All heavy atoms as atom14 arrays in JSON, in Angstrom:
{
  "sequence": "FIPSMWWHHIEALDAFNVLVNYWWRQSPDY",
  "atom14_mask": [
    [1, 1, 1, 1, 1, 1, 1, 1, 1, 1, 1, 0, 0, 0],
    [1, 1, 1, 1, 1, 1, 1, 1, 0, 0, 0, 0, 0, 0],
    [1, 1, 1, 1, 1, 1, 1, 0, 0, 0, 0, 0, 0, 0],
    [1, 1, 1, 1, 1, 1, 0, 0, 0, 0, 0, 0, 0, 0],
    [1, 1, 1, 1, 1, 1, 1, 1, 0, 0, 0, 0, 0, 0],
    [1, 1, 1, 1, 1, 1, 1, 1, 1, 1, 1, 1, 1, 1],
    [1, 1, 1, 1, 1, 1, 1, 1, 1, 1, 1, 1, 1, 1],
    [1, 1, 1, 1, 1, 1, 1, 1, 1, 1, 0, 0, 0, 0],
    [1, 1, 1, 1, 1, 1, 1, 1, 1, 1, 0, 0, 0, 0],
    [1, 1, 1, 1, 1, 1, 1, 1, 0, 0, 0, 0, 0, 0],
    [1, 1, 1, 1, 1, 1, 1, 1, 1, 0, 0, 0, 0, 0],
    [1, 1, 1, 1, 1, 0, 0, 0, 0, 0, 0, 0, 0, 0],
    [1, 1, 1, 1, 1, 1, 1, 1, 0, 0, 0, 0, 0, 0],
    [1, 1, 1, 1, 1, 1, 1, 1, 0, 0, 0, 0, 0, 0],
    [1, 1, 1, 1, 1, 0, 0, 0, 0, 0, 0, 0, 0, 0],
    [1, 1, 1, 1, 1, 1, 1, 1, 1, 1, 1, 0, 0, 0],
    [1, 1, 1, 1, 1, 1, 1, 1, 0, 0, 0, 0, 0, 0],
    [1, 1, 1, 1, 1, 1, 1, 0, 0, 0, 0, 0, 0, 0],
    [1, 1, 1, 1, 1, 1, 1, 1, 0, 0, 0, 0, 0, 0],
    [1, 1, 1, 1, 1, 1, 1, 0, 0, 0, 0, 0, 0, 0],
    [1, 1, 1, 1, 1, 1, 1, 1, 0, 0, 0, 0, 0, 0],
    [1, 1, 1, 1, 1, 1, 1, 1, 1, 1, 1, 1, 0, 0],
    [1, 1, 1, 1, 1, 1, 1, 1, 1, 1, 1, 1, 1, 1],
    [1, 1, 1, 1, 1, 1, 1, 1, 1, 1, 1, 1, 1, 1],
    [1, 1, 1, 1, 1, 1, 1, 1, 1, 1, 1, 0, 0, 0],
    [1, 1, 1, 1, 1, 1, 1, 1, 1, 0, 0, 0, 0, 0],
    [1, 1, 1, 1, 1, 1, 0, 0, 0, 0, 0, 0, 0, 0],
    [1, 1, 1, 1, 1, 1, 1, 0, 0, 0, 0, 0, 0, 0],
    [1, 1, 1, 1, 1, 1, 1, 1, 0, 0, 0, 0, 0, 0],
    [1, 1, 1, 1, 1, 1, 1, 1, 1, 1, 1, 1, 0, 0]
  ],
  "atom14_positions": [
    [[0.86, -1.16, 0.0], [-0.01, 0.01, 0.01], [0.91, 1.23, 0.02], [1.73, 1.45, 0.9], [-0.94, 0.01, 1.2], [-1.7, 1.27, 1.37], [-2.8, 1.54, 0.54], [-1.31, 2.28, 2.25], [-3.53, 2.73, 0.65], [-2.0, 3.47, 2.36], [-3.11, 3.71, 1.54], [0.0, 0.0, 0.0], [0.0, 0.0, 0.0], [0.0, 0.0, 0.0]],
    [[0.73, 2.09, -1.03], [1.5, 3.3, -1.16], [0.54, 4.51, -0.99], [-0.34, 4.69, -1.84], [2.2, 3.38, -2.53], [3.09, 2.18, -2.75], [3.01, 4.7, -2.6], [3.7, 2.14, -4.12], [0.0, 0.0, 0.0], [0.0, 0.0, 0.0], [0.0, 0.0, 0.0], [0.0, 0.0, 0.0], [0.0, 0.0, 0.0], [0.0, 0.0, 0.0]],
    [[0.66, 5.25, 0.11], [-0.28, 6.34, 0.34], [-0.11, 7.43, -0.71], [0.94, 7.61, -1.34], [0.1, 6.87, 1.69], [0.94, 5.77, 2.35], [1.6, 5.11, 1.25], [0.0, 0.0, 0.0], [0.0, 0.0, 0.0], [0.0, 0.0, 0.0], [0.0, 0.0, 0.0], [0.0, 0.0, 0.0], [0.0, 0.0, 0.0], [0.0, 0.0, 0.0]],
    [[-1.17, 8.18, -0.91], [-1.16, 9.35, -1.83], [0.03, 10.24, -1.49], [0.42, 10.53, -0.37], [-2.43, 10.17, -1.62], [-2.38, 11.42, -2.31], [0.0, 0.0, 0.0], [0.0, 0.0, 0.0], [0.0, 0.0, 0.0], [0.0, 0.0, 0.0], [0.0, 0.0, 0.0], [0.0, 0.0, 0.0], [0.0, 0.0, 0.0], [0.0, 0.0, 0.0]],
    [[0.73, 10.61, -2.62], [1.8, 11.64, -2.61], [3.16, 11.15, -2.08], [4.08, 11.88, -2.02], [1.37, 12.88, -1.81], [0.09, 13.54, -2.31], [0.11, 13.98, -4.06], [1.26, 15.38, -4.0], [0.0, 0.0, 0.0], [0.0, 0.0, 0.0], [0.0, 0.0, 0.0], [0.0, 0.0, 0.0], [0.0, 0.0, 0.0], [0.0, 0.0, 0.0]],
    [[3.27, 9.84, -1.75], [4.55, 9.27, -1.35], [5.38, 9.02, -2.58], [4.88, 8.44, -3.58], [4.39, 8.01, -0.54], [4.18, 8.24, 0.91], [3.03, 8.88, 1.48], [5.06, 7.94, 2.02], [3.21, 8.93, 2.85], [4.4, 8.36, 3.17], [6.26, 7.29, 2.09], [5.0, 8.2, 4.44], [6.86, 7.13, 3.29], [6.23, 7.56, 4.49]],
    [[6.62, 9.43, -2.6], [7.52, 9.17, -3.68], [7.95, 7.71, -3.69], [8.22, 7.14, -2.58], [8.79, 10.04, -3.58], [8.49, 11.52, -3.7], [8.12, 12.35, -2.72], [8.48, 12.31, -4.88], [7.91, 13.63, -3.18], [8.12, 13.61, -4.54], [8.76, 11.97, -6.23], [8.04, 14.63, -5.5], [8.69, 13.03, -7.19], [8.33, 14.32, -6.81]],
    [[7.93, 7.03, -4.83], [8.29, 5.63, -4.87], [9.11, 5.28, -6.09], [8.85, 5.71, -7.17], [7.05, 4.72, -4.73], [5.91, 5.06, -5.71], [5.13, 6.2, -5.46], [5.43, 4.54, -6.81], [4.2, 6.26, -6.38], [4.37, 5.29, -7.22], [0.0, 0.0, 0.0], [0.0, 0.0, 0.0], [0.0, 0.0, 0.0], [0.0, 0.0, 0.0]],
    [[10.23, 4.56, -5.79], [11.14, 4.06, -6.81], [10.96, 2.58, -6.88], [10.87, 1.88, -5.84], [12.59, 4.37, -6.38], [13.65, 3.83, -7.28], [14.24, 2.6, -7.03], [14.21, 4.31, -8.41], [15.15, 2.38, -8.0], [15.14, 3.41, -8.83], [0.0, 0.0, 0.0], [0.0, 0.0, 0.0], [0.0, 0.0, 0.0], [0.0, 0.0, 0.0]],
    [[10.81, 1.99, -8.14], [10.49, 0.61, -8.27], [11.47, -0.1, -9.23], [11.71, 0.38, -10.29], [9.03, 0.43, -8.81], [8.03, 1.22, -7.94], [8.64, -1.04, -8.85], [6.63, 1.29, -8.58], [0.0, 0.0, 0.0], [0.0, 0.0, 0.0], [0.0, 0.0, 0.0], [0.0, 0.0, 0.0], [0.0, 0.0, 0.0], [0.0, 0.0, 0.0]],
    [[12.0, -1.27, -8.72], [12.89, -2.05, -9.51], [12.24, -3.38, -9.73], [11.86, -4.09, -8.79], [14.2, -2.27, -8.77], [14.94, -0.96, -8.45], [16.08, -1.27, -7.48], [17.09, -1.88, -7.88], [15.91, -0.88, -6.31], [0.0, 0.0, 0.0], [0.0, 0.0, 0.0], [0.0, 0.0, 0.0], [0.0, 0.0, 0.0], [0.0, 0.0, 0.0]],
    [[12.13, -3.83, -11.0], [11.7, -5.17, -11.33], [12.97, -6.02, -11.48], [13.84, -5.68, -12.26], [10.86, -5.18, -12.6], [0.0, 0.0, 0.0], [0.0, 0.0, 0.0], [0.0, 0.0, 0.0], [0.0, 0.0, 0.0], [0.0, 0.0, 0.0], [0.0, 0.0, 0.0], [0.0, 0.0, 0.0], [0.0, 0.0, 0.0], [0.0, 0.0, 0.0]],
    [[13.06, -7.08, -10.71], [14.38, -7.76, -10.55], [14.53, -9.04, -11.37], [15.66, -9.58, -11.37], [14.54, -8.12, -9.03], [14.38, -6.94, -8.09], [14.47, -7.41, -6.65], [15.46, -5.91, -8.37], [0.0, 0.0, 0.0], [0.0, 0.0, 0.0], [0.0, 0.0, 0.0], [0.0, 0.0, 0.0], [0.0, 0.0, 0.0], [0.0, 0.0, 0.0]],
    [[13.51, -9.49, -12.07], [13.6, -10.78, -12.72], [13.4, -10.61, -14.27], [12.99, -9.55, -14.72], [12.56, -11.77, -12.2], [12.87, -12.13, -10.73], [14.06, -12.19, -10.33], [11.9, -12.31, -9.96], [0.0, 0.0, 0.0], [0.0, 0.0, 0.0], [0.0, 0.0, 0.0], [0.0, 0.0, 0.0], [0.0, 0.0, 0.0], [0.0, 0.0, 0.0]],
    [[13.58, -11.68, -14.97], [13.45, -11.64, -16.44], [12.01, -11.54, -16.88], [11.75, -11.16, -18.03], [14.1, -12.9, -17.06], [0.0, 0.0, 0.0], [0.0, 0.0, 0.0], [0.0, 0.0, 0.0], [0.0, 0.0, 0.0], [0.0, 0.0, 0.0], [0.0, 0.0, 0.0], [0.0, 0.0, 0.0], [0.0, 0.0, 0.0], [0.0, 0.0, 0.0]],
    [[11.08, -11.88, -15.99], [9.62, -11.81, -16.29], [8.94, -11.28, -15.07], [8.98, -11.88, -13.98], [9.08, -13.16, -16.7], [7.6, -13.22, -16.92], [7.02, -12.46, -17.95], [6.79, -13.99, -16.11], [5.66, -12.52, -18.21], [5.42, -14.05, -16.33], [4.86, -13.3, -17.36], [0.0, 0.0, 0.0], [0.0, 0.0, 0.0], [0.0, 0.0, 0.0]],
    [[8.28, -10.13, -15.2], [7.67, -9.46, -14.05], [6.26, -8.97, -14.48], [6.07, -8.39, -15.53], [8.47, -8.27, -13.59], [9.85, -8.61, -13.1], [10.03, -8.97, -11.94], [10.84, -8.58, -13.99], [0.0, 0.0, 0.0], [0.0, 0.0, 0.0], [0.0, 0.0, 0.0], [0.0, 0.0, 0.0], [0.0, 0.0, 0.0], [0.0, 0.0, 0.0]],
    [[5.33, -9.17, -13.55], [3.95, -8.72, -13.73], [3.5, -8.06, -12.46], [3.66, -8.63, -11.36], [2.97, -9.85, -14.13], [1.54, -9.3, -14.33], [3.43, -10.55, -15.42], [0.0, 0.0, 0.0], [0.0, 0.0, 0.0], [0.0, 0.0, 0.0], [0.0, 0.0, 0.0], [0.0, 0.0, 0.0], [0.0, 0.0, 0.0], [0.0, 0.0, 0.0]],
    [[2.96, -6.85, -12.58], [2.4, -6.1, -11.41], [1.0, -5.71, -11.75], [0.66, -5.3, -12.86], [3.23, -4.87, -11.13], [2.89, -4.04, -9.91], [3.49, -4.65, -8.66], [3.3, -2.58, -10.11], [0.0, 0.0, 0.0], [0.0, 0.0, 0.0], [0.0, 0.0, 0.0], [0.0, 0.0, 0.0], [0.0, 0.0, 0.0], [0.0, 0.0, 0.0]],
    [[0.11, -5.86, -10.77], [-1.26, -5.37, -10.87], [-1.49, -4.3, -9.79], [-1.11, -4.52, -8.65], [-2.31, -6.52, -10.65], [-3.76, -5.94, -10.51], [-2.19, -7.51, -11.79], [0.0, 0.0, 0.0], [0.0, 0.0, 0.0], [0.0, 0.0, 0.0], [0.0, 0.0, 0.0], [0.0, 0.0, 0.0], [0.0, 0.0, 0.0], [0.0, 0.0, 0.0]],
    [[-1.99, -3.14, -10.24], [-2.19, -2.08, -9.21], [-3.57, -1.5, -9.32], [-4.25, -1.58, -10.34], [-1.11, -1.02, -9.31], [-1.49, 0.13, -10.15], [-1.69, -0.06, -11.35], [-1.61, 1.31, -9.55], [0.0, 0.0, 0.0], [0.0, 0.0, 0.0], [0.0, 0.0, 0.0], [0.0, 0.0, 0.0], [0.0, 0.0, 0.0], [0.0, 0.0, 0.0]],
    [[-4.0, -0.91, -8.19], [-5.3, -0.27, -8.07], [-5.09, 1.17, -7.53], [-4.44, 1.37, -6.47], [-6.19, -1.03, -7.05], [-6.39, -2.48, -7.38], [-5.46, -3.43, -7.1], [-7.59, -2.88, -8.04], [-5.63, -4.75, -7.41], [-7.78, -4.21, -8.32], [-6.82, -5.15, -8.01], [-7.02, -6.46, -8.32], [0.0, 0.0, 0.0], [0.0, 0.0, 0.0]],
    [[-5.63, 2.13, -8.27], [-5.56, 3.55, -7.84], [-6.96, 4.04, -7.5], [-7.92, 3.76, -8.24], [-5.04, 4.39, -8.99], [-3.55, 4.44, -9.13], [-2.66, 4.7, -8.21], [-2.84, 4.41, -10.39], [-1.36, 4.75, -8.73], [-1.46, 4.54, -10.08], [-3.2, 4.2, -11.71], [-0.48, 4.56, -11.04], [-2.24, 4.22, -12.66], [-0.9, 4.35, -12.37]],
    [[-7.09, 4.75, -6.41], [-8.33, 5.41, -6.12], [-8.05, 6.7, -5.29], [-7.05, 6.79, -4.64], [-9.24, 4.49, -5.33], [-8.77, 4.2, -3.96], [-9.14, 4.85, -2.81], [-7.83, 3.16, -3.55], [-8.46, 4.37, -1.69], [-7.66, 3.28, -2.13], [-7.12, 2.16, -4.24], [-6.77, 2.46, -1.41], [-6.27, 1.4, -3.55], [-6.12, 1.47, -2.13]],
    [[-9.01, 7.64, -5.39], [-8.84, 8.92, -4.66], [-9.83, 8.94, -3.51], [-10.93, 8.34, -3.59], [-9.1, 10.09, -5.59], [-8.06, 10.3, -6.63], [-8.34, 11.55, -7.51], [-8.35, 12.77, -6.71], [-8.56, 14.0, -7.2], [-8.79, 14.07, -8.48], [-8.57, 15.02, -6.41], [0.0, 0.0, 0.0], [0.0, 0.0, 0.0], [0.0, 0.0, 0.0]],
    [[-9.46, 9.6, -2.42], [-10.33, 9.75, -1.29], [-11.23, 11.04, -1.48], [-12.02, 11.3, -0.55], [-9.48, 9.86, 0.01], [-8.76, 8.63, 0.31], [-8.11, 8.68, 1.71], [-8.68, 9.15, 2.66], [-6.85, 8.15, 1.78], [0.0, 0.0, 0.0], [0.0, 0.0, 0.0], [0.0, 0.0, 0.0], [0.0, 0.0, 0.0], [0.0, 0.0, 0.0]],
    [[-11.07, 11.73, -2.56], [-11.87, 12.92, -2.81], [-12.89, 12.62, -3.9], [-12.71, 11.7, -4.68], [-10.96, 14.06, -3.22], [-10.13, 13.68, -4.29], [0.0, 0.0, 0.0], [0.0, 0.0, 0.0], [0.0, 0.0, 0.0], [0.0, 0.0, 0.0], [0.0, 0.0, 0.0], [0.0, 0.0, 0.0], [0.0, 0.0, 0.0], [0.0, 0.0, 0.0]],
    [[-13.92, 13.46, -3.96], [-14.97, 13.24, -5.03], [-14.44, 13.43, -6.42], [-13.48, 14.17, -6.66], [-16.02, 14.34, -4.67], [-15.74, 14.75, -3.29], [-14.27, 14.55, -3.06], [0.0, 0.0, 0.0], [0.0, 0.0, 0.0], [0.0, 0.0, 0.0], [0.0, 0.0, 0.0], [0.0, 0.0, 0.0], [0.0, 0.0, 0.0], [0.0, 0.0, 0.0]],
    [[-15.08, 12.77, -7.37], [-14.64, 12.83, -8.76], [-14.65, 14.24, -9.32], [-13.94, 14.57, -10.24], [-15.55, 11.93, -9.63], [-15.28, 10.43, -9.36], [-14.23, 10.08, -8.77], [-16.13, 9.64, -9.75], [0.0, 0.0, 0.0], [0.0, 0.0, 0.0], [0.0, 0.0, 0.0], [0.0, 0.0, 0.0], [0.0, 0.0, 0.0], [0.0, 0.0, 0.0]],
    [[-15.58, 15.1, -8.8], [-15.7, 16.44, -9.35], [-14.56, 17.36, -8.94], [-14.41, 18.44, -9.48], [-17.02, 17.08, -8.99], [-17.36, 17.11, -7.5], [-16.72, 18.04, -6.68], [-18.31, 16.27, -6.98], [-17.01, 18.08, -5.3], [-18.63, 16.34, -5.62], [-18.0, 17.25, -4.77], [-18.29, 17.31, -3.44], [0.0, 0.0, 0.0], [0.0, 0.0, 0.0]]
  ]
}
């Protein structure tokens, strides 16, 4: 879990990598 606005550096370490992620906002769409 990566909170909103946290800086993140990501390294994929293997010859085959798959990531699934989910983004959502805590504020209204408008």
